[in-house]
Amino acid sequence: MEKIGKNGKPLRHMMTPLDFSSEELERLFDLASDIKEHPDTYKDACNRMKLATCFYEPSTRTRLSFETAMLNLGGQIIGFSDANSSSASKGESVSDTIRVISCFADICAMRHPKEGAPMVAAAHSRIPVINAGDGGHQHPTQTLTDMMTIRALKGSLNGYTIGLCGDLKFGRTVHSLVNAMLRYPDNKYVFISPEELRIPSYLKEKLTDMNIDFKEVERLEDSLPELDLLYMTRVQRERFFNEEDYVRLKDFYVLNKAKMELAPKDMLVLHPLPRVNEISVEVDDDPRAVYFDQVQYGVYVRMALILTLLGLDGGAHA
């Protein structure tokens, strides 16, 4: 039975990019592109509406990107940026928190260290809930940002050799992106990581079952000449159980100017940020480095997602 939100419209959430069909994603990216080209058309689209940003773990880019997106749409922001500044510090459950937030806001973006927490919230919510990252599991709006960046700068989402480098075991952005890109044909994957941080076996099994070409390698230099896209990630201190393992692996890969010489002239370098030292600052001036462009595309795609989930996406600029 279809659940109706407090605005009287069918209630829809975004837990993973797979919640949207390929056709729906295309419409979302078209809307984001239109917002980029005609921002004034959308400046009052969410007038008097509120976005709640419920962030149970620290974030700079994702939280500020959501808040910027809502402000650009003429909406307002409420929420918290740390579990310690919410009633979670008193033991309040996620399901109770979202019931309360549903009384105040029209839509919610939730970041949580526990996998599945945003899904629990969605099950008890009267407003759309967007998963803004849950543990090492999913980061769907970063994935939409990555896909939007590739589509805008490369022209499509299929037919590429995609290298993913760094922490492929704990990196939720990697898991989310690979899962979403599996629907686009003719992509090949090169997983570049130390043995301890390899891509999870469930993803490899999925790729094998779908007859999708992939390989695992340790040396970045060996893979660079064949790549159309390189997705760099940091080794995440917060996902490690002990400091010793983190210190040993954190500098395993550093992309610098010399290594970029090995890459094709039209290869794009993406990174979900924040970076630590896995991309040298000397690469920033290379036109193939598009990780700061990604940040801007992230605002457009979150604006489009907010409009879509609120049922306000029918007024795109003609």
Protein backbone atom coordinates (compact mmCIF):
# COMPACT_ATOMS: atom_id res chain seq x y z
CA MET A 1 0.00 0.00 0.00
CA GLU A 2 1.36 3.39 -1.01
CA LYS A 3 2.27 5.58 1.94
CA ILE A 4 1.09 9.17 1.80
CA GLY A 5 3.22 11.92 3.32
CA LYS A 6 1.98 14.76 5.47
CA ASN A 7 1.76 16.94 2.33
CA GLY A 8 -0.85 14.56 0.92
CA LYS A 9 1.48 13.27 -1.82
CA PRO A 10 2.88 9.73 -2.21
CA LEU A 11 5.89 9.37 0.10
CA ARG A 12 9.21 8.48 -1.48
CA HIS A 13 12.69 8.17 -0.02
CA MET A 14 16.24 7.85 -1.37
CA MET A 15 18.15 5.10 0.42
CA THR A 16 20.29 3.94 -2.52
CA PRO A 17 20.61 5.08 -6.15
CA LEU A 18 18.83 1.82 -7.07
CA ASP A 19 15.64 3.31 -5.61
CA PHE A 20 15.42 5.20 -8.92
CA SER A 21 15.19 3.49 -12.30
CA SER A 22 17.70 4.38 -15.02
CA GLU A 23 15.00 6.50 -16.70
CA GLU A 24 14.26 8.33 -13.45
CA LEU A 25 17.96 9.00 -12.93
CA GLU A 26 18.19 10.45 -16.44
CA ARG A 27 15.28 12.80 -15.61
CA LEU A 28 16.98 13.74 -12.34
CA PHE A 29 20.25 14.56 -14.13
CA ASP A 30 18.35 16.50 -16.81
CA LEU A 31 16.69 18.52 -14.05
CA ALA A 32 20.06 19.12 -12.35
CA SER A 33 21.50 20.31 -15.69
CA ASP A 34 18.57 22.67 -16.14
CA ILE A 35 19.09 24.04 -12.62
CA LYS A 36 22.76 24.66 -13.51
CA GLU A 37 21.78 26.58 -16.65
CA HIS A 38 18.72 28.43 -15.25
CA PRO A 39 19.18 28.84 -11.47
CA ASP A 40 16.75 31.79 -11.21
CA THR A 41 13.89 29.58 -12.41
CA TYR A 42 14.18 27.54 -9.19
CA LYS A 43 15.06 30.20 -6.61
CA ASP A 44 11.60 30.12 -4.97
CA ALA A 45 10.67 26.49 -5.70
CA CYS A 46 10.81 25.49 -2.01
CA ASN A 47 9.59 28.76 -0.52
CA ARG A 48 8.48 28.30 3.13
CA MET A 49 9.59 24.64 3.12
CA LYS A 50 12.16 23.21 5.55
CA LEU A 51 14.95 20.69 5.15
CA ALA A 52 16.13 18.94 8.34
CA THR A 53 19.79 17.88 8.23
CA CYS A 54 20.16 15.16 10.88
CA PHE A 55 23.87 14.36 10.97
CA TYR A 56 24.88 11.84 13.63
CA GLU A 57 28.49 11.90 12.43
CA PRO A 58 30.70 14.77 11.19
CA SER A 59 30.44 16.06 7.64
CA THR A 60 31.46 19.23 5.88
CA ARG A 61 30.73 18.81 2.18
CA THR A 62 27.58 16.70 2.32
CA ARG A 63 25.81 18.69 5.03
CA LEU A 64 26.73 22.09 3.60
CA SER A 65 25.86 20.89 0.10
CA PHE A 66 22.37 19.88 1.23
CA GLU A 67 21.91 23.15 3.10
CA THR A 68 23.12 25.18 0.12
CA ALA A 69 20.79 23.22 -2.18
CA MET A 70 17.75 24.00 -0.01
CA LEU A 71 18.69 27.66 0.42
CA ASN A 72 19.17 27.97 -3.37
CA LEU A 73 15.60 26.68 -3.75
CA GLY A 74 14.27 29.36 -1.39
CA GLY A 75 13.77 26.94 1.50
CA GLN A 76 14.93 26.94 5.10
CA ILE A 77 17.23 24.73 7.20
CA ILE A 78 16.87 23.11 10.61
CA GLY A 79 18.76 20.20 12.16
CA PHE A 80 21.94 19.17 13.97
CA SER A 81 25.51 18.47 12.88
CA ASP A 82 26.55 16.11 15.68
CA ALA A 83 24.80 13.35 17.63
CA ASN A 84 25.99 15.00 20.85
CA SER A 85 23.92 18.09 20.06
CA SER A 86 20.75 16.02 19.56
CA SER A 87 18.56 13.95 21.86
CA ALA A 88 20.46 10.88 20.64
CA SER A 89 22.92 11.78 23.41
CA LYS A 90 20.02 11.12 25.84
CA GLY A 91 19.26 7.78 24.22
CA GLU A 92 16.46 8.80 21.85
CA SER A 93 15.94 6.29 19.03
CA VAL A 94 16.21 7.15 15.33
CA SER A 95 12.55 6.21 14.86
CA ASP A 96 11.42 8.63 17.58
CA THR A 97 13.70 11.38 16.29
CA ILE A 98 12.25 11.17 12.77
CA ARG A 99 8.68 11.18 14.10
CA VAL A 100 9.49 14.46 15.85
CA ILE A 101 11.36 15.89 12.83
CA SER A 102 8.32 15.02 10.66
CA CYS A 103 6.34 17.56 12.68
CA PHE A 104 8.82 20.34 11.91
CA ALA A 105 10.26 19.74 8.44
CA ASP A 106 9.14 18.82 4.92
CA ILE A 107 12.15 16.65 4.02
CA CYS A 108 15.12 15.17 5.90
CA ALA A 109 18.73 14.32 5.00
CA MET A 110 20.25 11.85 7.49
CA ARG A 111 23.89 10.82 8.02
CA HIS A 112 24.47 8.02 10.52
CA PRO A 113 27.44 5.80 11.49
CA LYS A 114 25.22 2.69 11.68
CA GLU A 115 24.33 0.90 8.45
CA GLY A 116 20.59 0.87 7.84
CA ALA A 117 19.74 3.70 10.27
CA PRO A 118 18.27 5.98 7.54
CA MET A 119 16.12 3.04 6.40
CA VAL A 120 14.74 2.71 9.93
CA ALA A 121 13.99 6.43 9.85
CA ALA A 122 12.23 6.12 6.48
CA ALA A 123 10.00 3.36 7.83
CA HIS A 124 8.68 5.69 10.57
CA SER A 125 8.72 9.01 8.72
CA ARG A 126 5.89 11.15 7.35
CA ILE A 127 8.35 13.13 5.17
CA PRO A 128 10.87 12.03 2.51
CA VAL A 129 14.17 10.81 3.98
CA ILE A 130 17.44 10.98 2.06
CA ASN A 131 20.30 8.72 3.11
CA ALA A 132 23.26 11.09 3.39
CA GLY A 133 25.62 8.21 4.24
CA ASP A 134 25.26 5.23 6.59
CA GLY A 135 28.41 3.63 7.99
CA GLY A 136 30.51 1.91 5.34
CA HIS A 137 27.38 0.96 3.42
CA GLN A 138 25.93 3.57 1.06
CA HIS A 139 26.35 7.22 0.13
CA PRO A 140 23.70 7.66 -2.57
CA THR A 141 23.84 11.43 -3.06
CA GLN A 142 27.62 11.29 -3.49
CA THR A 143 27.00 8.60 -6.10
CA LEU A 144 24.47 10.81 -7.88
CA THR A 145 27.07 13.60 -7.77
CA ASP A 146 29.73 11.28 -9.25
CA MET A 147 27.38 10.11 -12.01
CA MET A 148 26.26 13.65 -12.80
CA THR A 149 29.91 14.75 -13.08
CA ILE A 150 30.77 11.86 -15.44
CA ARG A 151 27.67 12.43 -17.55
CA ALA A 152 28.23 16.20 -17.80
CA LEU A 153 31.95 16.00 -18.63
CA LYS A 154 32.08 12.76 -20.65
CA GLY A 155 28.64 12.85 -22.28
CA SER A 156 27.27 9.49 -21.09
CA LEU A 157 27.57 6.84 -18.38
CA ASN A 158 28.62 3.82 -20.41
CA GLY A 159 31.59 2.49 -22.33
CA TYR A 160 34.41 3.40 -19.93
CA THR A 161 37.31 1.73 -18.17
CA ILE A 162 36.89 2.92 -14.59
CA GLY A 163 39.68 2.67 -12.05
CA LEU A 164 38.76 2.83 -8.36
CA CYS A 165 41.77 3.33 -6.11
CA GLY A 166 42.47 3.27 -2.37
CA ASP A 167 40.14 2.06 0.36
CA LEU A 168 37.75 -0.20 -1.54
CA LYS A 169 36.83 -2.26 1.53
CA PHE A 170 35.38 0.43 3.79
CA GLY A 171 34.69 3.13 1.18
CA ARG A 172 30.90 3.54 1.02
CA THR A 173 31.26 5.93 -1.94
CA VAL A 174 32.96 3.13 -3.92
CA HIS A 175 30.33 0.51 -3.03
CA SER A 176 27.52 2.90 -3.87
CA LEU A 177 29.04 4.00 -7.20
CA VAL A 178 29.83 0.48 -8.44
CA ASN A 179 26.32 -0.73 -7.57
CA ALA A 180 24.74 2.18 -9.43
CA MET A 181 26.99 1.95 -12.50
CA LEU A 182 26.30 -1.77 -13.00
CA ARG A 183 23.12 -0.77 -14.84
CA TYR A 184 25.10 0.98 -17.57
CA PRO A 185 26.54 -1.34 -20.24
CA ASP A 186 30.06 -1.75 -21.52
CA ASN A 187 31.89 -0.38 -18.49
CA LYS A 188 35.01 -2.19 -17.25
CA TYR A 189 36.39 -1.89 -13.72
CA VAL A 190 39.93 -1.87 -12.38
CA PHE A 191 40.06 -2.17 -8.58
CA ILE A 192 43.36 -0.74 -7.33
CA SER A 193 44.08 -1.42 -3.66
CA PRO A 194 46.37 -3.14 -1.18
CA GLU A 195 45.27 -6.66 -0.33
CA GLU A 196 43.86 -5.56 3.05
CA LEU A 197 41.51 -2.99 1.47
CA ARG A 198 40.11 -4.94 -1.48
CA ILE A 199 36.59 -4.56 -2.81
CA PRO A 200 34.06 -6.70 -0.85
CA SER A 201 33.43 -10.19 -2.21
CA TYR A 202 29.68 -9.58 -2.62
CA LEU A 203 30.43 -6.90 -5.23
CA LYS A 204 32.89 -9.15 -7.08
CA GLU A 205 30.29 -11.92 -7.12
CA LYS A 206 27.73 -9.51 -8.54
CA LEU A 207 30.12 -8.41 -11.28
CA THR A 208 30.94 -12.04 -12.11
CA ASP A 209 27.26 -13.02 -12.22
CA MET A 210 26.57 -10.15 -14.64
CA ASN A 211 29.57 -11.03 -16.84
CA ILE A 212 31.09 -7.59 -16.26
CA ASP A 213 34.80 -7.26 -16.94
CA PHE A 214 36.91 -6.40 -13.86
CA LYS A 215 40.34 -7.01 -12.39
CA GLU A 216 42.14 -6.37 -9.11
CA VAL A 217 45.62 -4.85 -9.08
CA GLU A 218 47.96 -3.32 -6.51
CA ARG A 219 50.01 -0.87 -8.59
CA LEU A 220 48.33 2.33 -9.72
CA GLU A 221 51.06 3.03 -12.28
CA ASP A 222 50.30 -0.18 -14.21
CA SER A 223 46.63 0.74 -14.63
CA LEU A 224 46.75 4.44 -15.46
CA PRO A 225 47.40 4.15 -19.24
CA GLU A 226 44.13 2.24 -19.81
CA LEU A 227 41.73 4.35 -17.71
CA ASP A 228 39.00 6.74 -18.84
CA LEU A 229 38.08 7.59 -15.26
CA LEU A 230 40.08 7.36 -12.03
CA TYR A 231 38.12 7.48 -8.78
CA MET A 232 40.55 8.15 -5.91
CA THR A 233 39.58 7.61 -2.27
CA ARG A 234 41.24 8.28 1.07
CA VAL A 235 42.09 5.59 3.58
CA GLN A 236 39.56 6.35 6.31
CA ARG A 237 40.99 6.46 9.82
CA GLU A 238 37.47 6.26 11.34
CA ARG A 239 36.78 2.85 9.75
CA PHE A 240 39.88 1.14 11.22
CA PHE A 241 39.89 -0.83 14.45
CA ASN A 242 43.50 0.01 15.23
CA GLU A 243 45.80 2.93 14.50
CA GLU A 244 48.70 0.69 13.44
CA ASP A 245 46.85 -0.66 10.38
CA TYR A 246 45.73 2.83 9.41
CA VAL A 247 49.26 4.29 9.59
CA ARG A 248 50.65 1.38 7.56
CA LEU A 249 48.15 1.82 4.73
CA LYS A 250 47.33 5.54 4.63
CA ASP A 251 50.15 6.44 2.22
CA PHE A 252 49.88 3.36 0.02
CA TYR A 253 48.79 5.47 -2.99
CA VAL A 254 49.63 9.06 -3.80
CA LEU A 255 48.62 10.44 -7.19
CA ASN A 256 51.16 13.04 -8.32
CA LYS A 257 52.21 14.87 -11.46
CA ALA A 258 54.64 12.13 -12.54
CA LYS A 259 51.94 9.45 -12.37
CA MET A 260 49.50 11.70 -14.26
CA GLU A 261 52.00 11.67 -17.14
CA LEU A 262 51.14 7.97 -17.59
CA ALA A 263 47.41 8.64 -17.96
CA PRO A 264 45.45 9.39 -21.14
CA LYS A 265 44.98 13.08 -21.97
CA ASP A 266 41.20 12.81 -21.52
CA MET A 267 41.12 10.73 -18.33
CA LEU A 268 39.15 12.39 -15.52
CA VAL A 269 40.23 12.22 -11.87
CA LEU A 270 37.35 12.15 -9.39
CA HIS A 271 37.44 12.10 -5.59
CA PRO A 272 34.52 12.23 -3.13
CA LEU A 273 36.63 14.38 -0.74
CA PRO A 274 37.91 15.06 1.80
CA ARG A 275 41.37 14.14 0.61
CA VAL A 276 44.25 13.70 3.00
CA ASN A 277 47.39 13.20 0.91
CA GLU A 278 46.33 10.62 -1.70
CA ILE A 279 46.24 13.33 -4.40
CA SER A 280 49.16 15.74 -4.40
CA VAL A 281 48.13 19.42 -4.59
CA GLU A 282 50.29 19.70 -7.72
CA VAL A 283 47.59 17.70 -9.55
CA ASP A 284 44.93 20.33 -8.77
CA ASP A 285 45.91 22.49 -11.76
CA ASP A 286 45.67 19.57 -14.20
CA PRO A 287 42.51 20.03 -16.34
CA ARG A 288 41.78 16.33 -15.82
CA ALA A 289 41.35 16.89 -12.06
CA VAL A 290 37.62 17.48 -11.62
CA TYR A 291 37.07 16.79 -7.91
CA PHE A 292 36.23 20.40 -7.10
CA ASP A 293 33.82 20.49 -10.07
CA GLN A 294 32.19 17.45 -8.44
CA VAL A 295 31.39 19.54 -5.38
CA GLN A 296 29.48 22.06 -7.51
CA TYR A 297 27.61 19.34 -9.39
CA GLY A 298 26.68 17.93 -5.98
CA VAL A 299 24.67 21.07 -5.18
CA TYR A 300 22.74 20.86 -8.46
CA VAL A 301 21.97 17.18 -8.09
CA ARG A 302 20.80 17.59 -4.47
CA MET A 303 18.56 20.47 -5.55
CA ALA A 304 17.07 18.20 -8.21
CA LEU A 305 16.63 15.37 -5.69
CA ILE A 306 14.88 17.61 -3.15
CA LEU A 307 12.48 18.86 -5.84
CA THR A 308 11.81 15.32 -7.07
CA LEU A 309 11.09 13.84 -3.63
CA LEU A 310 8.83 16.78 -2.76
CA GLY A 311 6.93 16.31 -6.02
CA LEU A 312 7.98 19.75 -7.28
CA ASP A 313 9.96 18.59 -10.32
CA GLY A 314 7.28 19.31 -12.92
CA GLY A 315 8.29 22.89 -13.58
CA ALA A 316 11.61 22.51 -15.37
CA HIS A 317 12.62 25.38 -17.63
CA ALA A 318 11.43 24.74 -21.16
